[in-house]
Amino acid sequence: MSTGTELAWFKSSHSGSQGDDCVEVAVTEQAVHVRDSKDTGLPHVAVGRGEWARFTSYVTGG
């Protein structure tokens, strides 16, 4: 998936410290992009910011 601009990726604070189980996210005005940091060449997932907020609220028990 190409957005036409370079995304500013950052690693989740919940990623493993051994370099495993890592995800990275990049936030834009329209979406939150999520990718596997171990293989950044794979396609990433993009979801709307509202959907991302609902997802993170759900997984954190909110």
C-alpha atoms as a PDB file:
ATOM      1  CA  MET A   1       0.000   0.000   0.000  1.00  0.00           C
ATOM      2  CA  SER A   2       1.515   3.302  -1.016  1.00  0.00           C
ATOM      3  CA  THR A   3       0.344   6.549   0.497  1.00  0.00           C
ATOM      4  CA  GLY A   4       2.350   8.797  -1.803  1.00  0.00           C
ATOM      5  CA  THR A   5       4.258  10.199   1.177  1.00  0.00           C
ATOM      6  CA  GLU A   6       6.765   8.725   3.581  1.00  0.00           C
ATOM      7  CA  LEU A   7       5.194   7.592   6.840  1.00  0.00           C
ATOM      8  CA  ALA A   8       6.845   8.279  10.218  1.00  0.00           C
ATOM      9  CA  TRP A   9       6.827   4.828  11.841  1.00  0.00           C
ATOM     10  CA  PHE A  10       7.389   4.231  15.540  1.00  0.00           C
ATOM     11  CA  LYS A  11       7.525   1.038  17.549  1.00  0.00           C
ATOM     12  CA  SER A  12       4.817   0.190  20.034  1.00  0.00           C
ATOM     13  CA  SER A  13       5.768   0.689  23.673  1.00  0.00           C
ATOM     14  CA  HIS A  14       4.349  -2.813  24.234  1.00  0.00           C
ATOM     15  CA  SER A  15       6.729  -4.494  21.780  1.00  0.00           C
ATOM     16  CA  GLY A  16       9.084  -7.120  23.124  1.00  0.00           C
ATOM     17  CA  SER A  17      12.533  -5.998  24.247  1.00  0.00           C
ATOM     18  CA  GLN A  18      14.235  -8.913  22.471  1.00  0.00           C
ATOM     19  CA  GLY A  19      13.282  -7.689  18.986  1.00  0.00           C
ATOM     20  CA  ASP A  20      10.366 -10.082  18.726  1.00  0.00           C
ATOM     21  CA  ASP A  21       6.608  -9.534  18.647  1.00  0.00           C
ATOM     22  CA  CYS A  22       7.039  -5.996  17.391  1.00  0.00           C
ATOM     23  CA  VAL A  23       4.578  -3.786  15.614  1.00  0.00           C
ATOM     24  CA  GLU A  24       5.080  -0.262  14.379  1.00  0.00           C
ATOM     25  CA  VAL A  25       2.465   2.399  13.793  1.00  0.00           C
ATOM     26  CA  ALA A  26       2.353   5.576  11.757  1.00  0.00           C
ATOM     27  CA  VAL A  27      -0.401   8.125  12.304  1.00  0.00           C
ATOM     28  CA  THR A  28      -1.748  10.395   9.587  1.00  0.00           C
ATOM     29  CA  GLU A  29      -4.735  12.728   9.521  1.00  0.00           C
ATOM     30  CA  GLN A  30      -6.877  10.063   7.884  1.00  0.00           C
ATOM     31  CA  ALA A  31      -5.644   6.772   9.344  1.00  0.00           C
ATOM     32  CA  VAL A  32      -3.425   4.755  11.643  1.00  0.00           C
ATOM     33  CA  HIS A  33      -1.077   2.431   9.743  1.00  0.00           C
ATOM     34  CA  VAL A  34       0.213  -0.755  11.395  1.00  0.00           C
ATOM     35  CA  ARG A  35       3.051  -3.012  10.210  1.00  0.00           C
ATOM     36  CA  ASP A  36       5.299  -5.847  11.355  1.00  0.00           C
ATOM     37  CA  SER A  37       8.636  -4.287  12.306  1.00  0.00           C
ATOM     38  CA  LYS A  38      10.493  -7.544  11.609  1.00  0.00           C
ATOM     39  CA  ASP A  39       9.580  -7.394   7.904  1.00  0.00           C
ATOM     40  CA  THR A  40       8.803  -3.817   6.928  1.00  0.00           C
ATOM     41  CA  GLY A  41       8.606  -4.769   3.255  1.00  0.00           C
ATOM     42  CA  LEU A  42       5.320  -6.570   3.803  1.00  0.00           C
ATOM     43  CA  PRO A  43       2.080  -4.661   3.216  1.00  0.00           C
ATOM     44  CA  HIS A  44       0.703  -2.771   6.188  1.00  0.00           C
ATOM     45  CA  VAL A  45      -2.826  -2.299   7.488  1.00  0.00           C
ATOM     46  CA  ALA A  46      -4.481   1.113   7.575  1.00  0.00           C
ATOM     47  CA  VAL A  47      -7.575   1.807   9.678  1.00  0.00           C
ATOM     48  CA  GLY A  48      -9.529   4.968  10.344  1.00  0.00           C
ATOM     49  CA  ARG A  49      -8.599   6.895  13.467  1.00  0.00           C
ATOM     50  CA  GLY A  50     -12.029   6.352  15.030  1.00  0.00           C
ATOM     51  CA  GLU A  51     -11.815   2.607  14.433  1.00  0.00           C
ATOM     52  CA  TRP A  52      -8.292   2.571  15.917  1.00  0.00           C
ATOM     53  CA  ALA A  53      -9.531   4.396  19.029  1.00  0.00           C
ATOM     54  CA  ARG A  54     -12.338   1.861  19.470  1.00  0.00           C
ATOM     55  CA  PHE A  55      -9.911  -1.044  18.959  1.00  0.00           C
ATOM     56  CA  THR A  56      -7.362   0.237  21.495  1.00  0.00           C
ATOM     57  CA  SER A  57     -10.131   0.982  23.989  1.00  0.00           C
ATOM     58  CA  TYR A  58     -11.413  -2.576  23.596  1.00  0.00           C
ATOM     59  CA  VAL A  59      -8.015  -4.286  24.000  1.00  0.00           C
ATOM     60  CA  THR A  60      -7.155  -2.196  27.055  1.00  0.00           C
ATOM     61  CA  GLY A  61     -10.459  -3.031  28.718  1.00  0.00           C
ATOM     62  CA  GLY A  62     -11.877   0.476  28.349  1.00  0.00           C
END
